[in-house]
N, C-alpha and C. Protein backbone atom coordinates (compact mmCIF):
# COMPACT_ATOMS: atom_id res chain seq x y z
N MET A 1 -8.33 -8.85 8.74
CA MET A 1 -8.40 -10.04 8.94
C MET A 1 -6.89 -10.33 8.60
N LEU A 2 -5.41 -11.36 8.97
CA LEU A 2 -4.81 -12.80 8.37
C LEU A 2 -5.49 -13.98 8.34
N ILE A 3 -5.53 -14.17 7.48
CA ILE A 3 -5.76 -15.49 8.00
C ILE A 3 -4.44 -16.47 6.78
N ILE A 4 -4.42 -17.30 8.02
CA ILE A 4 -3.47 -18.55 8.09
C ILE A 4 -3.35 -19.33 7.77
N GLU A 5 -3.38 -20.50 6.14
CA GLU A 5 -4.29 -22.22 6.94
C GLU A 5 -2.74 -23.02 6.94
N VAL A 6 -2.74 -23.82 8.66
CA VAL A 6 -1.62 -24.55 8.47
C VAL A 6 -1.71 -25.87 6.91
N LYS A 7 -0.74 -25.45 7.26
CA LYS A 7 -0.95 -26.92 5.40
C LYS A 7 -0.44 -28.43 5.99
N SER A 8 -0.92 -29.97 5.41
CA SER A 8 -0.59 -30.69 6.05
C SER A 8 0.83 -31.03 6.78
N GLY A 9 0.64 -31.75 7.43
CA GLY A 9 2.99 -31.80 7.40
C GLY A 9 3.32 -30.52 7.94
N GLU A 10 2.65 -29.55 8.48
CA GLU A 10 3.53 -28.45 8.64
C GLU A 10 3.24 -27.91 10.29
N GLY A 11 4.40 -27.77 10.90
CA GLY A 11 4.84 -27.49 12.86
C GLY A 11 3.68 -26.28 12.68
N ILE A 12 3.43 -26.32 13.64
CA ILE A 12 2.83 -25.19 14.07
C ILE A 12 3.66 -23.83 14.19
N GLU A 13 4.39 -23.43 14.70
CA GLU A 13 5.93 -23.82 14.84
C GLU A 13 6.10 -22.53 12.98
N LYS A 14 6.40 -23.00 12.07
CA LYS A 14 5.87 -22.34 10.57
C LYS A 14 4.94 -21.19 10.72
N ALA A 15 3.01 -22.02 10.94
CA ALA A 15 2.71 -21.40 10.70
C ALA A 15 2.29 -20.36 11.91
N ILE A 16 3.14 -20.43 12.09
CA ILE A 16 3.07 -18.59 13.35
C ILE A 16 4.21 -17.54 13.04
N ARG A 17 5.37 -18.78 12.26
CA ARG A 17 6.26 -17.97 11.35
C ARG A 17 5.66 -17.17 10.18
N ARG A 18 4.77 -18.12 8.94
CA ARG A 18 3.97 -16.87 8.33
C ARG A 18 3.28 -16.64 8.91
N TYR A 19 2.90 -16.20 10.25
CA TYR A 19 1.54 -15.36 10.18
C TYR A 19 2.62 -13.68 10.71
N ARG A 20 3.53 -14.25 10.99
CA ARG A 20 4.38 -12.67 11.78
C ARG A 20 4.85 -12.16 10.25
N ARG A 21 6.04 -12.75 9.92
CA ARG A 21 5.61 -12.32 8.40
C ARG A 21 5.12 -11.49 7.89
N LYS A 22 3.68 -12.48 7.18
CA LYS A 22 2.81 -11.58 7.23
C LYS A 22 2.29 -10.58 7.87
N HIS A 23 1.37 -10.40 8.95
CA HIS A 23 1.66 -9.65 9.50
C HIS A 23 3.07 -7.81 9.76
N ARG A 24 4.28 -8.26 9.38
CA ARG A 24 5.67 -7.63 8.78
C ARG A 24 5.12 -6.93 7.63
N ASP A 25 4.17 -8.03 7.26
CA ASP A 25 4.80 -7.10 5.60
C ASP A 25 3.55 -6.10 5.97
N THR A 26 2.30 -6.68 5.96
CA THR A 26 1.70 -5.61 5.75
C THR A 26 0.80 -4.20 6.61
N LYS A 27 2.47 -4.16 7.41
CA LYS A 27 2.31 -2.71 7.95
C LYS A 27 1.59 -2.32 9.12
N LEU A 28 0.69 -3.54 9.56
CA LEU A 28 0.00 -2.90 9.93
C LEU A 28 0.13 -1.80 11.42
N ARG A 29 1.33 -2.89 12.39
CA ARG A 29 1.38 -1.92 12.95
C ARG A 29 1.68 -0.62 12.94
N ASN A 30 2.39 -0.01 12.35
CA ASN A 30 3.27 1.18 11.73
C ASN A 30 1.63 2.49 11.71
N GLU A 31 0.29 1.97 10.81
CA GLU A 31 -0.13 2.71 11.30
C GLU A 31 -0.86 2.85 12.34
N LEU A 32 -1.41 1.34 13.24
CA LEU A 32 -1.80 2.00 14.30
C LEU A 32 -1.12 2.96 15.24
N ARG A 33 -0.16 2.80 15.04
CA ARG A 33 0.90 3.27 15.69
C ARG A 33 0.52 5.37 15.58
N SER A 34 0.59 5.20 13.88
CA SER A 34 0.76 7.09 14.04
C SER A 34 -0.81 7.03 13.68
N ARG A 35 -1.43 5.85 14.59
CA ARG A 35 -2.86 6.39 14.40
C ARG A 35 -3.38 6.77 16.26
N LYS A 36 -2.49 6.72 15.96
CA LYS A 36 -2.17 7.11 18.43
C LYS A 36 -2.51 8.19 18.36
N GLU A 37 -1.57 9.55 17.52
CA GLU A 37 -1.46 10.59 17.70
C GLU A 37 -2.14 11.17 16.14
N PHE A 38 -2.34 12.57 16.25
CA PHE A 38 -2.42 13.55 14.71
C PHE A 38 -0.97 13.93 14.70
N THR A 39 -0.51 14.67 13.61
CA THR A 39 0.12 14.53 13.03
C THR A 39 0.16 15.70 11.56
N LYS A 40 0.79 16.98 12.07
CA LYS A 40 -0.03 17.77 10.62
C LYS A 40 1.08 17.19 9.58
N PRO A 41 -0.47 17.88 8.65
CA PRO A 41 0.17 17.78 7.15
C PRO A 41 2.28 18.71 7.03
N SER A 42 2.32 19.41 7.73
CA SER A 42 3.68 19.75 6.95
C SER A 42 4.67 19.06 7.80
N VAL A 43 4.30 18.36 9.13
CA VAL A 43 4.57 17.81 9.51
C VAL A 43 5.77 16.64 8.69
N LYS A 44 4.21 16.46 9.07
CA LYS A 44 4.20 15.19 7.69
C LYS A 44 5.41 15.03 6.49
N ARG A 45 5.60 16.16 6.20
CA ARG A 45 6.31 16.32 4.36
C ARG A 45 7.32 16.79 5.00
N ARG A 46 8.07 17.08 6.55
CA ARG A 46 8.94 17.37 6.89
C ARG A 46 10.01 16.44 6.99
N LYS A 47 9.15 15.03 7.70
CA LYS A 47 9.67 14.74 7.54
C LYS A 47 10.45 13.62 6.89
N GLU A 48 9.15 13.14 5.87
CA GLU A 48 9.39 12.88 4.12
C GLU A 48 10.67 13.10 3.79
N VAL A 49 10.84 14.59 3.21
CA VAL A 49 12.07 15.15 3.01
C VAL A 49 12.70 14.40 4.03
N LEU A 50 13.06 15.02 4.58
CA LEU A 50 14.45 14.83 5.13
C LEU A 50 15.10 13.50 5.20
N LYS A 51 14.04 12.14 4.93
CA LYS A 51 14.04 10.84 4.61
C LYS A 51 14.74 11.09 3.58
N ALA A 52 14.42 11.56 2.98
CA ALA A 52 14.48 11.64 1.85
C ALA A 52 16.34 11.77 1.39
N VAL A 53 16.13 13.03 2.43
CA VAL A 53 17.72 14.17 1.73
C VAL A 53 18.35 12.87 2.75
N TYR A 54 17.77 12.14 3.63
CA TYR A 54 18.83 10.99 4.90
C TYR A 54 19.33 9.74 3.74
N LYS A 55 18.58 8.87 2.86
CA LYS A 55 18.01 7.98 1.89
C LYS A 55 20.01 8.94 1.08
N GLN A 56 19.13 9.98 -0.16
CA GLN A 56 19.71 10.09 -1.12
C GLN A 56 21.81 10.34 -0.63
N ARG A 57 21.38 10.67 0.76
CA ARG A 57 23.56 11.15 1.65
C ARG A 57 23.60 9.79 1.21
N LYS A 58 23.10 8.85 1.86
CA LYS A 58 22.95 7.49 2.37
C LYS A 58 24.12 6.78 1.12
N SER A 59 23.05 7.28 -0.22
CA SER A 59 23.16 6.23 -1.80
C SER A 59 24.76 7.15 -1.70
N GLN A 60 25.03 8.69 -2.15
CA GLN A 60 25.43 8.44 -2.06
C GLN A 60 27.39 8.69 -1.93
N GLY A 61 27.47 7.95 0.04
CA GLY A 61 28.50 7.71 0.12
C GLY A 61 29.38 8.75 1.42
N LEU A 62 28.16 9.76 1.64
CA LEU A 62 28.38 10.86 1.99
C LEU A 62 28.17 10.53 3.77
N LEU A 63 27.52 9.67 4.54
CA LEU A 63 27.66 9.54 5.69
C LEU A 63 28.41 8.57 6.27
């Protein structure tokens, strides 16, 4: 559970912005989406490998 304390003199908009940033950084949404459906370990591994290949190609300027 995320707890955001509103500091004195701070607007509620700024506190909400901090909450959203914290929420995004915890990657909670990604975890909830991945738990919706089961993915086989082999499919997970294949995705990881393809992502690594893509990143490597992109860093080398081939894409």
